């Protein structure tokens, strides 16, 4: 049995299989999932688990070089935007329209659906490369 990191076997497998520039999506409960993209559904009820909790957990276990959000998040979900800026201050932040965001999800390795019930609480996390503690 694992003693640390993500215990959800589906998420752990997706993260372990990511290569450089592959990406996953953390989604609120309303984001559509394109045909053919695996959905890992964590939603239990409205708000549980929340966007922030899932993002923090995944980010602790994933090397992330770029984060993409919908431009609409900035004005329509200020709390999620502030959280995203703080959490990913060392990653490139890309913004696009929500329509473009939905199109991008078709290339995701997986979409992790949260129980978040606030608008535009979605992000695309693009994998970077972690070379460990090489000398």
C-alpha atoms as a PDB file:
ATOM      1  CA  UNK A   1       0.000   0.000   0.000  1.00  0.00           C
ATOM      2  CA  UNK A   2       1.237   3.520  -0.830  1.00  0.00           C
ATOM      3  CA  UNK A   3       2.211   5.578   2.174  1.00  0.00           C
ATOM      4  CA  UNK A   4       2.194   9.040   0.587  1.00  0.00           C
ATOM      5  CA  UNK A   5       1.093  10.875  -2.530  1.00  0.00           C
ATOM      6  CA  UNK A   6      -2.155  10.365  -4.382  1.00  0.00           C
ATOM      7  CA  UNK A   7      -3.990   7.232  -3.310  1.00  0.00           C
ATOM      8  CA  UNK A   8      -6.615   7.308  -6.070  1.00  0.00           C
ATOM      9  CA  UNK A   9      -5.259   4.635  -8.391  1.00  0.00           C
ATOM     10  CA  UNK A  10      -6.725   6.183 -11.548  1.00  0.00           C
ATOM     11  CA  UNK A  11      -5.141   9.592 -10.902  1.00  0.00           C
ATOM     12  CA  UNK A  12      -1.830   8.062  -9.796  1.00  0.00           C
ATOM     13  CA  UNK A  13      -1.688   6.031 -13.025  1.00  0.00           C
ATOM     14  CA  UNK A  14      -2.468   9.037 -15.235  1.00  0.00           C
ATOM     15  CA  UNK A  15       0.218  11.148 -13.535  1.00  0.00           C
ATOM     16  CA  UNK A  16       2.795   8.362 -13.780  1.00  0.00           C
ATOM     17  CA  UNK A  17       2.093   8.006 -17.512  1.00  0.00           C
ATOM     18  CA  UNK A  18       2.392  11.723 -18.381  1.00  0.00           C
ATOM     19  CA  UNK A  19       5.209  12.840 -20.636  1.00  0.00           C
ATOM     20  CA  UNK A  20       6.532  16.341 -21.210  1.00  0.00           C
ATOM     21  CA  UNK A  21       3.752  18.636 -22.521  1.00  0.00           C
ATOM     22  CA  UNK A  22       0.981  16.077 -21.906  1.00  0.00           C
ATOM     23  CA  UNK A  23      -1.849  17.577 -19.910  1.00  0.00           C
ATOM     24  CA  UNK A  24      -4.770  16.844 -17.651  1.00  0.00           C
ATOM     25  CA  UNK A  25      -7.812  18.895 -16.707  1.00  0.00           C
ATOM     26  CA  UNK A  26      -9.195  19.614 -13.248  1.00  0.00           C
ATOM     27  CA  UNK A  27     -12.870  20.408 -13.822  1.00  0.00           C
ATOM     28  CA  UNK A  28     -15.892  21.709 -12.002  1.00  0.00           C
ATOM     29  CA  UNK A  29     -19.005  19.571 -12.080  1.00  0.00           C
ATOM     30  CA  UNK A  30     -20.394  21.226 -15.216  1.00  0.00           C
ATOM     31  CA  UNK A  31     -17.498  21.058 -17.673  1.00  0.00           C
ATOM     32  CA  UNK A  32     -18.360  18.734 -20.573  1.00  0.00           C
ATOM     33  CA  UNK A  33     -16.069  15.774 -21.136  1.00  0.00           C
ATOM     34  CA  UNK A  34     -15.313  15.114 -24.821  1.00  0.00           C
ATOM     35  CA  UNK A  35     -15.877  11.633 -26.193  1.00  0.00           C
ATOM     36  CA  UNK A  36     -12.790   9.473 -25.835  1.00  0.00           C
ATOM     37  CA  UNK A  37     -11.218  11.432 -22.972  1.00  0.00           C
ATOM     38  CA  UNK A  38     -11.163   9.421 -19.733  1.00  0.00           C
ATOM     39  CA  UNK A  39     -13.122  11.010 -16.879  1.00  0.00           C
ATOM     40  CA  UNK A  40     -12.045  10.403 -13.300  1.00  0.00           C
ATOM     41  CA  UNK A  41     -15.134  11.400 -11.360  1.00  0.00           C
ATOM     42  CA  UNK A  42     -14.426  12.484  -7.791  1.00  0.00           C
ATOM     43  CA  UNK A  43     -17.696  14.412  -7.310  1.00  0.00           C
ATOM     44  CA  UNK A  44     -19.593  13.269  -4.224  1.00  0.00           C
ATOM     45  CA  UNK A  45     -22.038  16.141  -3.822  1.00  0.00           C
ATOM     46  CA  UNK A  46     -22.159  19.859  -4.605  1.00  0.00           C
ATOM     47  CA  UNK A  47     -18.822  21.339  -3.535  1.00  0.00           C
ATOM     48  CA  UNK A  48     -17.215  18.071  -2.444  1.00  0.00           C
ATOM     49  CA  UNK A  49     -14.411  17.713  -3.185  1.00  0.00           C
ATOM     50  CA  UNK A  50     -13.706  21.310  -4.093  1.00  0.00           C
ATOM     51  CA  UNK A  51     -11.560  22.675  -6.885  1.00  0.00           C
ATOM     52  CA  UNK A  52      -8.834  23.965  -4.574  1.00  0.00           C
ATOM     53  CA  UNK A  53      -8.455  20.722  -2.627  1.00  0.00           C
ATOM     54  CA  UNK A  54      -8.107  18.633  -5.781  1.00  0.00           C
ATOM     55  CA  UNK A  55      -5.735  21.083  -7.486  1.00  0.00           C
ATOM     56  CA  UNK A  56      -3.488  21.255  -4.398  1.00  0.00           C
ATOM     57  CA  UNK A  57      -3.339  17.469  -4.133  1.00  0.00           C
ATOM     58  CA  UNK A  58      -2.551  16.931  -7.815  1.00  0.00           C
ATOM     59  CA  UNK A  59      -0.047  19.800  -7.933  1.00  0.00           C
ATOM     60  CA  UNK A  60       1.877  18.290  -5.019  1.00  0.00           C
ATOM     61  CA  UNK A  61       2.389  15.117  -7.070  1.00  0.00           C
ATOM     62  CA  UNK A  62       2.906  16.557 -10.582  1.00  0.00           C
ATOM     63  CA  UNK A  63       5.622  18.603 -12.272  1.00  0.00           C
ATOM     64  CA  UNK A  64       3.648  21.449 -13.887  1.00  0.00           C
ATOM     65  CA  UNK A  65       5.156  23.893 -16.371  1.00  0.00           C
ATOM     66  CA  UNK A  66       2.030  25.568 -17.726  1.00  0.00           C
ATOM     67  CA  UNK A  67      -1.497  26.191 -16.489  1.00  0.00           C
ATOM     68  CA  UNK A  68      -4.372  27.209 -18.747  1.00  0.00           C
ATOM     69  CA  UNK A  69      -7.576  28.792 -17.493  1.00  0.00           C
ATOM     70  CA  UNK A  70     -10.605  30.350 -19.131  1.00  0.00           C
ATOM     71  CA  UNK A  71     -10.478  34.140 -19.347  1.00  0.00           C
ATOM     72  CA  UNK A  72     -13.951  34.185 -17.783  1.00  0.00           C
ATOM     73  CA  UNK A  73     -12.504  32.900 -14.489  1.00  0.00           C
ATOM     74  CA  UNK A  74     -10.821  36.265 -13.900  1.00  0.00           C
ATOM     75  CA  UNK A  75     -14.095  38.199 -13.520  1.00  0.00           C
ATOM     76  CA  UNK A  76     -16.615  35.484 -12.736  1.00  0.00           C
ATOM     77  CA  UNK A  77     -14.727  33.428 -10.145  1.00  0.00           C
ATOM     78  CA  UNK A  78     -12.247  35.784  -8.492  1.00  0.00           C
ATOM     79  CA  UNK A  79     -11.508  33.356  -5.640  1.00  0.00           C
ATOM     80  CA  UNK A  80     -10.507  30.548  -8.024  1.00  0.00           C
ATOM     81  CA  UNK A  81      -8.411  32.997 -10.045  1.00  0.00           C
ATOM     82  CA  UNK A  82      -6.552  34.283  -6.966  1.00  0.00           C
ATOM     83  CA  UNK A  83      -5.975  30.694  -5.821  1.00  0.00           C
ATOM     84  CA  UNK A  84      -4.652  29.702  -9.264  1.00  0.00           C
ATOM     85  CA  UNK A  85      -2.253  32.672  -9.398  1.00  0.00           C
ATOM     86  CA  UNK A  86      -0.877  31.878  -5.940  1.00  0.00           C
ATOM     87  CA  UNK A  87      -0.662  28.106  -6.417  1.00  0.00           C
ATOM     88  CA  UNK A  88       1.076  28.303  -9.786  1.00  0.00           C
ATOM     89  CA  UNK A  89       3.250  31.375  -9.330  1.00  0.00           C
ATOM     90  CA  UNK A  90       6.232  29.467 -10.770  1.00  0.00           C
ATOM     91  CA  UNK A  91       4.428  28.140 -13.847  1.00  0.00           C
ATOM     92  CA  UNK A  92       3.457  29.887 -17.061  1.00  0.00           C
ATOM     93  CA  UNK A  93      -0.198  30.968 -16.910  1.00  0.00           C
ATOM     94  CA  UNK A  94      -2.142  30.956 -20.157  1.00  0.00           C
ATOM     95  CA  UNK A  95      -5.654  32.344 -20.577  1.00  0.00           C
ATOM     96  CA  UNK A  96      -8.109  31.658 -23.371  1.00  0.00           C
ATOM     97  CA  UNK A  97     -11.851  31.899 -23.930  1.00  0.00           C
ATOM     98  CA  UNK A  98     -14.028  29.283 -22.271  1.00  0.00           C
ATOM     99  CA  UNK A  99     -15.003  28.013 -25.721  1.00  0.00           C
ATOM    100  CA  UNK A 100     -11.327  27.526 -26.615  1.00  0.00           C
ATOM    101  CA  UNK A 101     -10.732  25.916 -23.213  1.00  0.00           C
ATOM    102  CA  UNK A 102     -13.445  23.338 -23.929  1.00  0.00           C
ATOM    103  CA  UNK A 103     -11.851  22.559 -27.298  1.00  0.00           C
ATOM    104  CA  UNK A 104      -8.461  22.042 -25.635  1.00  0.00           C
ATOM    105  CA  UNK A 105      -9.917  19.447 -23.264  1.00  0.00           C
ATOM    106  CA  UNK A 106     -10.235  17.048 -26.211  1.00  0.00           C
ATOM    107  CA  UNK A 107      -6.438  16.548 -26.079  1.00  0.00           C
ATOM    108  CA  UNK A 108      -6.281  15.835 -22.349  1.00  0.00           C
ATOM    109  CA  UNK A 109      -4.975  12.517 -21.036  1.00  0.00           C
ATOM    110  CA  UNK A 110      -7.788  12.666 -18.456  1.00  0.00           C
ATOM    111  CA  UNK A 111     -10.333  15.006 -16.943  1.00  0.00           C
ATOM    112  CA  UNK A 112     -10.644  14.915 -13.171  1.00  0.00           C
ATOM    113  CA  UNK A 113     -14.164  16.010 -12.240  1.00  0.00           C
ATOM    114  CA  UNK A 114     -14.560  17.650  -8.857  1.00  0.00           C
ATOM    115  CA  UNK A 115     -17.741  18.524  -7.016  1.00  0.00           C
ATOM    116  CA  UNK A 116     -17.008  22.247  -7.428  1.00  0.00           C
ATOM    117  CA  UNK A 117     -20.247  24.119  -8.083  1.00  0.00           C
ATOM    118  CA  UNK A 118     -18.847  27.567  -8.925  1.00  0.00           C
ATOM    119  CA  UNK A 119     -18.391  28.805 -12.510  1.00  0.00           C
ATOM    120  CA  UNK A 120     -15.130  28.454 -14.412  1.00  0.00           C
ATOM    121  CA  UNK A 121     -13.353  26.457 -11.686  1.00  0.00           C
ATOM    122  CA  UNK A 122     -11.348  24.566 -14.281  1.00  0.00           C
ATOM    123  CA  UNK A 123      -7.698  24.400 -15.235  1.00  0.00           C
ATOM    124  CA  UNK A 124      -5.467  22.551 -17.646  1.00  0.00           C
ATOM    125  CA  UNK A 125      -2.217  21.365 -16.076  1.00  0.00           C
ATOM    126  CA  UNK A 126       0.584  20.734 -18.548  1.00  0.00           C
ATOM    127  CA  UNK A 127       3.361  18.406 -17.458  1.00  0.00           C
ATOM    128  CA  UNK A 128       6.909  19.587 -17.213  1.00  0.00           C
ATOM    129  CA  UNK A 129       9.971  17.422 -16.718  1.00  0.00           C
ATOM    130  CA  UNK A 130      11.269  16.518 -13.272  1.00  0.00           C
ATOM    131  CA  UNK A 131      14.833  15.270 -13.345  1.00  0.00           C
ATOM    132  CA  UNK A 132      15.007  14.660  -9.611  1.00  0.00           C
ATOM    133  CA  UNK A 133      18.150  15.392  -7.617  1.00  0.00           C
ATOM    134  CA  UNK A 134      20.727  14.900 -10.338  1.00  0.00           C
ATOM    135  CA  UNK A 135      24.211  16.230  -9.664  1.00  0.00           C
END
